[in-house]
N, C-alpha and C. Protein backbone atom coordinates (compact mmCIF):
# COMPACT_ATOMS: atom_id res chain seq x y z
N MET A 1 100.87 199.52 50.28
CA MET A 1 101.20 198.12 50.41
C MET A 1 100.94 197.70 51.86
N SER A 2 100.32 196.58 52.04
CA SER A 2 100.03 196.10 53.40
C SER A 2 101.05 195.03 53.81
N ALA A 3 101.27 194.97 55.09
CA ALA A 3 102.19 193.96 55.63
C ALA A 3 101.46 192.65 55.82
N GLN A 4 102.08 191.56 55.45
CA GLN A 4 101.50 190.24 55.62
C GLN A 4 102.25 189.51 56.73
N PRO A 5 101.53 188.87 57.66
CA PRO A 5 102.22 188.12 58.70
C PRO A 5 102.97 186.93 58.11
N HIS A 6 104.12 186.65 58.68
CA HIS A 6 104.90 185.50 58.23
C HIS A 6 104.22 184.23 58.72
N PRO A 7 103.88 183.29 57.84
CA PRO A 7 103.18 182.07 58.28
C PRO A 7 104.02 181.24 59.24
N ILE A 8 103.36 180.69 60.23
CA ILE A 8 104.03 179.81 61.19
C ILE A 8 104.08 178.42 60.59
N PRO A 9 105.26 177.82 60.47
CA PRO A 9 105.33 176.47 59.90
C PRO A 9 104.62 175.47 60.81
N LEU A 10 103.75 174.68 60.21
CA LEU A 10 103.01 173.68 60.97
C LEU A 10 103.64 172.31 60.76
N PRO A 11 103.54 171.44 61.76
CA PRO A 11 104.09 170.09 61.59
C PRO A 11 103.31 169.33 60.52
N ARG A 12 104.02 168.50 59.77
CA ARG A 12 103.36 167.69 58.74
C ARG A 12 102.50 166.63 59.39
N ILE A 13 101.36 166.38 58.79
CA ILE A 13 100.46 165.34 59.27
C ILE A 13 100.85 164.04 58.56
N THR A 14 101.11 163.00 59.32
CA THR A 14 101.46 161.70 58.75
C THR A 14 100.35 160.71 59.07
N PHE A 15 100.35 159.58 58.37
CA PHE A 15 99.36 158.55 58.67
C PHE A 15 99.53 158.05 60.09
N ALA A 16 100.78 157.97 60.54
CA ALA A 16 101.04 157.52 61.92
C ALA A 16 100.43 158.49 62.93
N ARG A 17 100.56 159.78 62.64
CA ARG A 17 99.97 160.78 63.56
C ARG A 17 98.45 160.69 63.56
N LEU A 18 97.85 160.50 62.39
CA LEU A 18 96.39 160.35 62.32
C LEU A 18 95.94 159.10 63.07
N ALA A 19 96.67 158.00 62.92
CA ALA A 19 96.33 156.77 63.63
C ALA A 19 96.44 156.97 65.13
N ASP A 20 97.45 157.72 65.55
CA ASP A 20 97.63 158.00 66.98
C ASP A 20 96.47 158.85 67.50
N GLN A 21 96.07 159.87 66.72
CA GLN A 21 94.93 160.70 67.12
C GLN A 21 93.67 159.84 67.24
N LYS A 22 93.47 158.94 66.29
CA LYS A 22 92.30 158.07 66.32
C LYS A 22 92.34 157.17 67.55
N ALA A 23 93.50 156.58 67.83
CA ALA A 23 93.64 155.69 68.98
C ALA A 23 93.36 156.42 70.28
N LYS A 24 93.74 157.69 70.33
CA LYS A 24 93.51 158.50 71.54
C LYS A 24 92.13 159.15 71.54
N ARG A 25 91.33 158.83 70.50
CA ARG A 25 89.98 159.37 70.35
C ARG A 25 89.98 160.90 70.30
N GLN A 26 91.01 161.46 69.67
CA GLN A 26 91.09 162.90 69.47
C GLN A 26 90.41 163.25 68.15
N PRO A 27 89.71 164.36 68.09
CA PRO A 27 89.04 164.73 66.84
C PRO A 27 90.04 165.03 65.72
N ILE A 28 89.65 164.69 64.50
CA ILE A 28 90.46 164.99 63.32
C ILE A 28 89.58 165.85 62.41
N ALA A 29 90.05 167.06 62.13
CA ALA A 29 89.28 167.99 61.30
C ALA A 29 89.77 167.92 59.86
N MET A 30 88.82 167.80 58.91
CA MET A 30 89.15 167.75 57.49
C MET A 30 88.20 168.67 56.75
N ALA A 31 88.71 169.37 55.75
CA ALA A 31 87.88 170.29 54.97
C ALA A 31 88.30 170.25 53.51
N THR A 32 87.39 170.67 52.65
CA THR A 32 87.69 170.81 51.23
C THR A 32 87.76 172.30 50.91
N ALA A 33 88.82 172.71 50.25
CA ALA A 33 88.97 174.10 49.82
C ALA A 33 88.98 174.10 48.30
N TYR A 34 88.16 174.94 47.71
CA TYR A 34 88.05 174.95 46.25
C TYR A 34 89.00 175.94 45.59
N ASP A 35 89.72 176.73 46.41
CA ASP A 35 90.70 177.66 45.85
C ASP A 35 91.81 177.89 46.87
N HIS A 36 92.87 178.54 46.42
CA HIS A 36 94.05 178.75 47.27
C HIS A 36 93.75 179.62 48.50
N PRO A 37 93.01 180.73 48.38
CA PRO A 37 92.72 181.52 49.58
C PRO A 37 91.96 180.73 50.65
N SER A 38 91.02 179.91 50.22
CA SER A 38 90.27 179.08 51.18
C SER A 38 91.19 178.06 51.86
N ALA A 39 92.12 177.51 51.11
CA ALA A 39 93.07 176.55 51.69
C ALA A 39 93.96 177.24 52.71
N GLN A 40 94.38 178.46 52.42
CA GLN A 40 95.20 179.21 53.37
C GLN A 40 94.44 179.48 54.67
N ILE A 41 93.17 179.83 54.56
CA ILE A 41 92.35 180.07 55.75
C ILE A 41 92.20 178.79 56.56
N ALA A 42 91.92 177.69 55.88
CA ALA A 42 91.76 176.41 56.58
C ALA A 42 93.04 176.03 57.31
N GLN A 43 94.18 176.26 56.69
CA GLN A 43 95.46 175.96 57.33
C GLN A 43 95.68 176.88 58.52
N ALA A 44 95.33 178.15 58.37
CA ALA A 44 95.57 179.13 59.43
C ALA A 44 94.76 178.82 60.69
N VAL A 45 93.58 178.24 60.54
CA VAL A 45 92.75 177.95 61.71
C VAL A 45 93.02 176.57 62.29
N GLY A 46 93.93 175.81 61.67
CA GLY A 46 94.35 174.55 62.27
C GLY A 46 93.62 173.30 61.81
N ILE A 47 93.02 173.33 60.63
CA ILE A 47 92.40 172.13 60.09
C ILE A 47 93.50 171.09 59.85
N ASP A 48 93.27 169.85 60.32
CA ASP A 48 94.29 168.80 60.20
C ASP A 48 94.59 168.43 58.74
N LEU A 49 93.55 168.24 57.95
CA LEU A 49 93.70 167.83 56.55
C LEU A 49 92.88 168.75 55.67
N VAL A 50 93.49 169.25 54.59
CA VAL A 50 92.77 170.11 53.65
C VAL A 50 92.93 169.51 52.26
N VAL A 51 91.81 169.21 51.61
CA VAL A 51 91.81 168.74 50.23
C VAL A 51 91.57 169.98 49.38
N VAL A 52 92.49 170.25 48.45
CA VAL A 52 92.39 171.46 47.64
C VAL A 52 92.03 171.08 46.22
N GLY A 53 91.02 171.76 45.67
CA GLY A 53 90.62 171.54 44.29
C GLY A 53 89.30 170.82 44.19
N THR A 54 88.95 170.48 42.98
CA THR A 54 87.70 169.77 42.72
C THR A 54 88.00 168.51 41.92
N LEU A 55 87.05 167.63 41.88
CA LEU A 55 87.21 166.40 41.09
C LEU A 55 87.00 166.71 39.62
N PRO A 56 87.75 166.07 38.74
CA PRO A 56 87.52 166.28 37.31
C PRO A 56 86.17 165.70 36.91
N ARG A 57 85.58 166.29 35.92
CA ARG A 57 84.27 165.82 35.47
C ARG A 57 84.40 164.79 34.39
């Protein structure tokens, strides 16, 4: 059995925070993750917004 690091809780991203980042001309990173492991990786590296899943056909 391998040990897993305890995830560090990240602050929630709000519309107000995004607007503040935009006003300060700070970059906003967004990514699409098609599965749970990809979403975890995106969160771990600090992506601001992660869309998980695919669009229905």
